[in-house]
Amino acid sequence: MYKARHLMENFYCRLKQYRAIATRYDKTARNFLAGIHLAAAVIWLN
């Protein structure tokens, strides 16, 4: 269980490196979620 938690914490730290995600510039929830999906895909591909 700790291993899964550690993976999620590392993912959130990497996700916060994207400025638009960390500061939440998007006004709508739909655009914000799309930005999260895009950043997660980039992280996953690297």
N, C-alpha and C. Protein backbone atom coordinates (compact mmCIF):
# COMPACT_ATOMS: atom_id res chain seq x y z
N MET A 1 0.82 -1.19 0.00
CA MET A 1 0.00 0.00 0.00
C MET A 1 0.87 1.26 0.00
N TYR A 2 1.97 1.21 0.71
CA TYR A 2 2.86 2.36 0.76
C TYR A 2 3.46 2.63 -0.62
N LYS A 3 3.75 1.57 -1.38
CA LYS A 3 4.33 1.72 -2.70
C LYS A 3 3.39 2.48 -3.64
N ALA A 4 2.11 2.15 -3.58
CA ALA A 4 1.12 2.84 -4.42
C ALA A 4 0.99 4.30 -3.98
N ARG A 5 1.00 4.54 -2.70
CA ARG A 5 0.91 5.91 -2.20
C ARG A 5 2.11 6.73 -2.65
N HIS A 6 3.28 6.13 -2.59
CA HIS A 6 4.51 6.81 -3.00
C HIS A 6 4.45 7.16 -4.49
N LEU A 7 3.94 6.27 -5.32
CA LEU A 7 3.81 6.54 -6.75
C LEU A 7 2.87 7.72 -7.01
N MET A 8 1.75 7.76 -6.29
CA MET A 8 0.80 8.85 -6.48
C MET A 8 1.38 10.18 -6.02
N GLU A 9 2.11 10.19 -4.91
CA GLU A 9 2.72 11.42 -4.43
C GLU A 9 3.76 11.92 -5.42
N ASN A 10 4.54 11.02 -6.00
CA ASN A 10 5.52 11.42 -7.01
C ASN A 10 4.83 11.98 -8.25
N PHE A 11 3.71 11.37 -8.64
CA PHE A 11 2.97 11.85 -9.80
C PHE A 11 2.45 13.27 -9.56
N TYR A 12 1.90 13.54 -8.39
CA TYR A 12 1.40 14.89 -8.08
C TYR A 12 2.53 15.91 -8.06
N CYS A 13 3.69 15.52 -7.58
CA CYS A 13 4.84 16.44 -7.59
C CYS A 13 5.25 16.76 -9.02
N ARG A 14 5.24 15.76 -9.90
CA ARG A 14 5.58 16.01 -11.29
C ARG A 14 4.51 16.85 -11.98
N LEU A 15 3.26 16.62 -11.61
CA LEU A 15 2.16 17.36 -12.21
C LEU A 15 2.22 18.84 -11.83
N LYS A 16 2.68 19.13 -10.62
CA LYS A 16 2.75 20.51 -10.16
C LYS A 16 3.86 21.30 -10.84
N GLN A 17 4.72 20.63 -11.59
CA GLN A 17 5.77 21.33 -12.33
C GLN A 17 5.19 22.10 -13.50
N TYR A 18 4.00 21.73 -13.94
CA TYR A 18 3.34 22.45 -15.02
C TYR A 18 2.65 23.66 -14.42
N ARG A 19 3.06 24.84 -14.85
CA ARG A 19 2.62 26.08 -14.22
C ARG A 19 1.11 26.29 -14.30
N ALA A 20 0.52 25.98 -15.43
CA ALA A 20 -0.92 26.18 -15.59
C ALA A 20 -1.72 25.28 -14.65
N ILE A 21 -1.19 24.11 -14.35
CA ILE A 21 -1.89 23.19 -13.44
C ILE A 21 -1.73 23.68 -12.00
N ALA A 22 -0.51 24.07 -11.64
CA ALA A 22 -0.24 24.47 -10.26
C ALA A 22 -0.97 25.75 -9.88
N THR A 23 -1.13 26.68 -10.83
CA THR A 23 -1.76 27.96 -10.51
C THR A 23 -3.22 28.03 -10.92
N ARG A 24 -3.67 27.06 -11.69
CA ARG A 24 -5.05 26.94 -12.16
C ARG A 24 -5.52 28.22 -12.85
N TYR A 25 -4.95 28.46 -14.02
CA TYR A 25 -5.33 29.63 -14.82
C TYR A 25 -6.66 29.46 -15.53
N ASP A 26 -7.06 28.23 -15.81
CA ASP A 26 -8.30 28.00 -16.56
C ASP A 26 -9.52 28.36 -15.71
N LYS A 27 -10.50 28.97 -16.35
CA LYS A 27 -11.68 29.42 -15.61
C LYS A 27 -12.72 28.33 -15.45
N THR A 28 -12.77 27.40 -16.39
CA THR A 28 -13.80 26.36 -16.29
C THR A 28 -13.17 25.04 -15.86
N ALA A 29 -13.95 24.24 -15.19
CA ALA A 29 -13.48 22.94 -14.71
C ALA A 29 -13.13 22.03 -15.89
N ARG A 30 -13.87 22.17 -16.98
CA ARG A 30 -13.62 21.31 -18.15
C ARG A 30 -12.24 21.58 -18.73
N ASN A 31 -11.88 22.84 -18.86
CA ASN A 31 -10.55 23.19 -19.39
C ASN A 31 -9.44 22.79 -18.44
N PHE A 32 -9.68 22.94 -17.15
CA PHE A 32 -8.69 22.54 -16.15
C PHE A 32 -8.45 21.04 -16.21
N LEU A 33 -9.52 20.26 -16.31
CA LEU A 33 -9.39 18.80 -16.39
C LEU A 33 -8.68 18.39 -17.68
N ALA A 34 -8.95 19.09 -18.76
CA ALA A 34 -8.25 18.81 -20.02
C ALA A 34 -6.76 19.08 -19.88
N GLY A 35 -6.39 20.12 -19.18
CA GLY A 35 -4.98 20.41 -18.93
C GLY A 35 -4.32 19.34 -18.09
N ILE A 36 -5.03 18.84 -17.10
CA ILE A 36 -4.50 17.76 -16.27
C ILE A 36 -4.29 16.51 -17.12
N HIS A 37 -5.25 16.19 -17.97
CA HIS A 37 -5.12 15.01 -18.84
C HIS A 37 -3.93 15.16 -19.78
N LEU A 38 -3.76 16.33 -20.33
CA LEU A 38 -2.65 16.57 -21.24
C LEU A 38 -1.31 16.46 -20.51
N ALA A 39 -1.19 17.05 -19.36
CA ALA A 39 0.06 16.97 -18.59
C ALA A 39 0.33 15.54 -18.15
N ALA A 40 -0.71 14.81 -17.75
CA ALA A 40 -0.52 13.42 -17.32
C ALA A 40 -0.05 12.56 -18.49
N ALA A 41 -0.58 12.82 -19.67
CA ALA A 41 -0.14 12.06 -20.86
C ALA A 41 1.32 12.34 -21.17
N VAL A 42 1.74 13.60 -21.04
CA VAL A 42 3.14 13.93 -21.29
C VAL A 42 4.04 13.26 -20.27
N ILE A 43 3.64 13.27 -19.00
CA ILE A 43 4.42 12.61 -17.95
C ILE A 43 4.49 11.12 -18.21
N TRP A 44 3.38 10.53 -18.59
CA TRP A 44 3.34 9.09 -18.83
C TRP A 44 4.22 8.68 -20.00
N LEU A 45 4.27 9.52 -21.05
CA LEU A 45 5.08 9.19 -22.23
C LEU A 45 6.57 9.37 -21.99
N ASN A 46 6.94 10.20 -21.03
CA ASN A 46 8.37 10.37 -20.74
C ASN A 46 8.80 9.30 -19.85
